[in-house]
């Protein structure tokens, strides 16, 4: 039995390690705004959809992206993982819009290897 995928969804998790070299001493994660701006720009271009926003979840930041192509979404997640200030160890979780539970799916270590 094959399963039809309506939309691919990724959640990108990035460790929240405070950066001492942050220019904004009142908030130790200024890269989050840059990631949100980058994602918003891609959404405005119609390349993907930022679903459910992003936010801090314990000691990680989670961004949700949706679209029709797994490779394209993983490429975006990989670019986010290599953004200045983002901690090493990011990963993406790929699932579809029919997933029964959050957190289930294919886990992909980011950034993706160069092709």
C-alpha atoms as a PDB file:
ATOM      1  CA  UNK A   1       0.000   0.000   0.000  1.00  0.00           C
ATOM      2  CA  UNK A   2       1.493   3.343  -0.990  1.00  0.00           C
ATOM      3  CA  UNK A   3       0.823   6.490   0.943  1.00  0.00           C
ATOM      4  CA  UNK A   4       0.146   9.733  -0.861  1.00  0.00           C
ATOM      5  CA  UNK A   5       2.148  12.630   0.495  1.00  0.00           C
ATOM      6  CA  UNK A   6       0.180  15.865   0.365  1.00  0.00           C
ATOM      7  CA  UNK A   7       2.956  18.104   1.643  1.00  0.00           C
ATOM      8  CA  UNK A   8       6.363  17.481   3.086  1.00  0.00           C
ATOM      9  CA  UNK A   9       7.002  19.127   6.411  1.00  0.00           C
ATOM     10  CA  UNK A  10      10.320  19.580   8.130  1.00  0.00           C
ATOM     11  CA  UNK A  11      11.063  20.726  11.605  1.00  0.00           C
ATOM     12  CA  UNK A  12      14.580  22.016  12.072  1.00  0.00           C
ATOM     13  CA  UNK A  13      15.992  21.799  15.581  1.00  0.00           C
ATOM     14  CA  UNK A  14      18.959  23.887  16.626  1.00  0.00           C
ATOM     15  CA  UNK A  15      20.601  23.803  20.046  1.00  0.00           C
ATOM     16  CA  UNK A  16      20.239  27.038  21.986  1.00  0.00           C
ATOM     17  CA  UNK A  17      23.751  27.724  23.153  1.00  0.00           C
ATOM     18  CA  UNK A  18      24.223  31.260  24.408  1.00  0.00           C
ATOM     19  CA  UNK A  19      26.822  33.157  22.406  1.00  0.00           C
ATOM     20  CA  UNK A  20      29.121  35.357  24.452  1.00  0.00           C
ATOM     21  CA  UNK A  21      30.145  37.251  21.323  1.00  0.00           C
ATOM     22  CA  UNK A  22      26.581  38.342  20.629  1.00  0.00           C
ATOM     23  CA  UNK A  23      26.232  42.014  19.734  1.00  0.00           C
ATOM     24  CA  UNK A  24      22.860  42.052  21.479  1.00  0.00           C
ATOM     25  CA  UNK A  25      23.662  41.261  25.090  1.00  0.00           C
ATOM     26  CA  UNK A  26      19.986  41.387  26.099  1.00  0.00           C
ATOM     27  CA  UNK A  27      19.178  38.384  23.885  1.00  0.00           C
ATOM     28  CA  UNK A  28      21.807  35.668  23.375  1.00  0.00           C
ATOM     29  CA  UNK A  29      20.244  34.238  20.175  1.00  0.00           C
ATOM     30  CA  UNK A  30      20.123  37.048  17.586  1.00  0.00           C
ATOM     31  CA  UNK A  31      20.485  34.489  14.785  1.00  0.00           C
ATOM     32  CA  UNK A  32      16.885  33.395  15.389  1.00  0.00           C
ATOM     33  CA  UNK A  33      15.608  36.679  13.937  1.00  0.00           C
ATOM     34  CA  UNK A  34      17.866  36.206  10.908  1.00  0.00           C
ATOM     35  CA  UNK A  35      16.539  32.661  10.406  1.00  0.00           C
ATOM     36  CA  UNK A  36      12.943  33.901  10.699  1.00  0.00           C
ATOM     37  CA  UNK A  37      13.623  36.737   8.207  1.00  0.00           C
ATOM     38  CA  UNK A  38      15.262  34.291   5.776  1.00  0.00           C
ATOM     39  CA  UNK A  39      12.320  31.878   6.054  1.00  0.00           C
ATOM     40  CA  UNK A  40       9.820  34.704   5.641  1.00  0.00           C
ATOM     41  CA  UNK A  41      11.597  35.915   2.487  1.00  0.00           C
ATOM     42  CA  UNK A  42      11.412  32.417   0.975  1.00  0.00           C
ATOM     43  CA  UNK A  43       7.743  32.185   1.897  1.00  0.00           C
ATOM     44  CA  UNK A  44       7.069  35.549   0.208  1.00  0.00           C
ATOM     45  CA  UNK A  45       8.713  34.192  -2.963  1.00  0.00           C
ATOM     46  CA  UNK A  46       6.378  31.195  -2.861  1.00  0.00           C
ATOM     47  CA  UNK A  47       9.193  28.668  -2.430  1.00  0.00           C
ATOM     48  CA  UNK A  48       7.787  27.180   0.770  1.00  0.00           C
ATOM     49  CA  UNK A  49       5.497  27.856   3.687  1.00  0.00           C
ATOM     50  CA  UNK A  50       6.535  28.617   7.235  1.00  0.00           C
ATOM     51  CA  UNK A  51       3.994  26.618   9.182  1.00  0.00           C
ATOM     52  CA  UNK A  52       3.234  27.006  12.867  1.00  0.00           C
ATOM     53  CA  UNK A  53       5.940  29.634  13.195  1.00  0.00           C
ATOM     54  CA  UNK A  54       9.087  28.798  15.085  1.00  0.00           C
ATOM     55  CA  UNK A  55      10.024  28.985  18.692  1.00  0.00           C
ATOM     56  CA  UNK A  56      12.064  27.828  21.586  1.00  0.00           C
ATOM     57  CA  UNK A  57      11.240  24.375  22.937  1.00  0.00           C
ATOM     58  CA  UNK A  58      13.335  23.663  25.991  1.00  0.00           C
ATOM     59  CA  UNK A  59      16.967  23.876  24.935  1.00  0.00           C
ATOM     60  CA  UNK A  60      16.316  23.906  21.174  1.00  0.00           C
ATOM     61  CA  UNK A  61      14.828  26.280  18.613  1.00  0.00           C
ATOM     62  CA  UNK A  62      12.355  24.624  16.244  1.00  0.00           C
ATOM     63  CA  UNK A  63      11.360  26.030  12.841  1.00  0.00           C
ATOM     64  CA  UNK A  64       8.582  24.406  10.807  1.00  0.00           C
ATOM     65  CA  UNK A  65       8.692  24.531   7.016  1.00  0.00           C
ATOM     66  CA  UNK A  66       6.265  23.003   4.541  1.00  0.00           C
ATOM     67  CA  UNK A  67       6.260  22.528   0.800  1.00  0.00           C
ATOM     68  CA  UNK A  68       5.925  19.912  -1.876  1.00  0.00           C
ATOM     69  CA  UNK A  69       9.550  18.925  -2.323  1.00  0.00           C
ATOM     70  CA  UNK A  70      11.607  17.142   0.311  1.00  0.00           C
ATOM     71  CA  UNK A  71      14.929  18.002  -1.348  1.00  0.00           C
ATOM     72  CA  UNK A  72      14.066  21.717  -1.516  1.00  0.00           C
ATOM     73  CA  UNK A  73      12.981  21.839   2.126  1.00  0.00           C
ATOM     74  CA  UNK A  74      16.103  20.023   3.259  1.00  0.00           C
ATOM     75  CA  UNK A  75      18.235  22.455   1.242  1.00  0.00           C
ATOM     76  CA  UNK A  76      16.581  25.361   3.077  1.00  0.00           C
ATOM     77  CA  UNK A  77      17.051  23.625   6.440  1.00  0.00           C
ATOM     78  CA  UNK A  78      20.704  23.047   5.563  1.00  0.00           C
ATOM     79  CA  UNK A  79      21.167  26.753   4.757  1.00  0.00           C
ATOM     80  CA  UNK A  80      19.615  27.625   8.113  1.00  0.00           C
ATOM     81  CA  UNK A  81      21.997  25.209   9.858  1.00  0.00           C
ATOM     82  CA  UNK A  82      25.003  26.945   8.302  1.00  0.00           C
ATOM     83  CA  UNK A  83      23.843  30.483   9.102  1.00  0.00           C
ATOM     84  CA  UNK A  84      26.236  32.581  11.217  1.00  0.00           C
ATOM     85  CA  UNK A  85      25.693  32.050  14.931  1.00  0.00           C
ATOM     86  CA  UNK A  86      23.724  28.814  14.600  1.00  0.00           C
ATOM     87  CA  UNK A  87      25.087  26.109  16.890  1.00  0.00           C
ATOM     88  CA  UNK A  88      26.475  22.900  15.443  1.00  0.00           C
ATOM     89  CA  UNK A  89      24.314  19.815  15.713  1.00  0.00           C
ATOM     90  CA  UNK A  90      21.170  20.938  13.893  1.00  0.00           C
ATOM     91  CA  UNK A  91      18.901  18.305  12.433  1.00  0.00           C
ATOM     92  CA  UNK A  92      15.699  18.166  10.418  1.00  0.00           C
ATOM     93  CA  UNK A  93      12.765  15.858  10.906  1.00  0.00           C
ATOM     94  CA  UNK A  94      10.906  15.070   7.681  1.00  0.00           C
ATOM     95  CA  UNK A  95       7.301  13.958   7.839  1.00  0.00           C
ATOM     96  CA  UNK A  96       4.099  14.629   5.958  1.00  0.00           C
ATOM     97  CA  UNK A  97       0.939  16.526   6.774  1.00  0.00           C
ATOM     98  CA  UNK A  98      -0.813  13.270   7.617  1.00  0.00           C
ATOM     99  CA  UNK A  99       1.620  12.304  10.399  1.00  0.00           C
ATOM    100  CA  UNK A 100      -0.213  11.046  13.455  1.00  0.00           C
ATOM    101  CA  UNK A 101       2.162  12.584  15.948  1.00  0.00           C
ATOM    102  CA  UNK A 102       4.765  15.347  16.065  1.00  0.00           C
ATOM    103  CA  UNK A 103       8.322  14.068  16.214  1.00  0.00           C
ATOM    104  CA  UNK A 104       7.817  11.061  13.971  1.00  0.00           C
ATOM    105  CA  UNK A 105       9.610  10.856  10.666  1.00  0.00           C
ATOM    106  CA  UNK A 106      12.995  10.721   9.001  1.00  0.00           C
ATOM    107  CA  UNK A 107      15.722  12.510  10.989  1.00  0.00           C
ATOM    108  CA  UNK A 108      18.359  14.179   8.797  1.00  0.00           C
ATOM    109  CA  UNK A 109      21.627  15.542  10.204  1.00  0.00           C
ATOM    110  CA  UNK A 110      22.369  19.065   8.993  1.00  0.00           C
ATOM    111  CA  UNK A 111      24.058  20.564   7.139  1.00  0.00           C
ATOM    112  CA  UNK A 112      23.645  18.250   4.173  1.00  0.00           C
ATOM    113  CA  UNK A 113      26.863  16.987   2.565  1.00  0.00           C
ATOM    114  CA  UNK A 114      27.966  18.941  -0.490  1.00  0.00           C
ATOM    115  CA  UNK A 115      26.905  17.270  -3.709  1.00  0.00           C
END
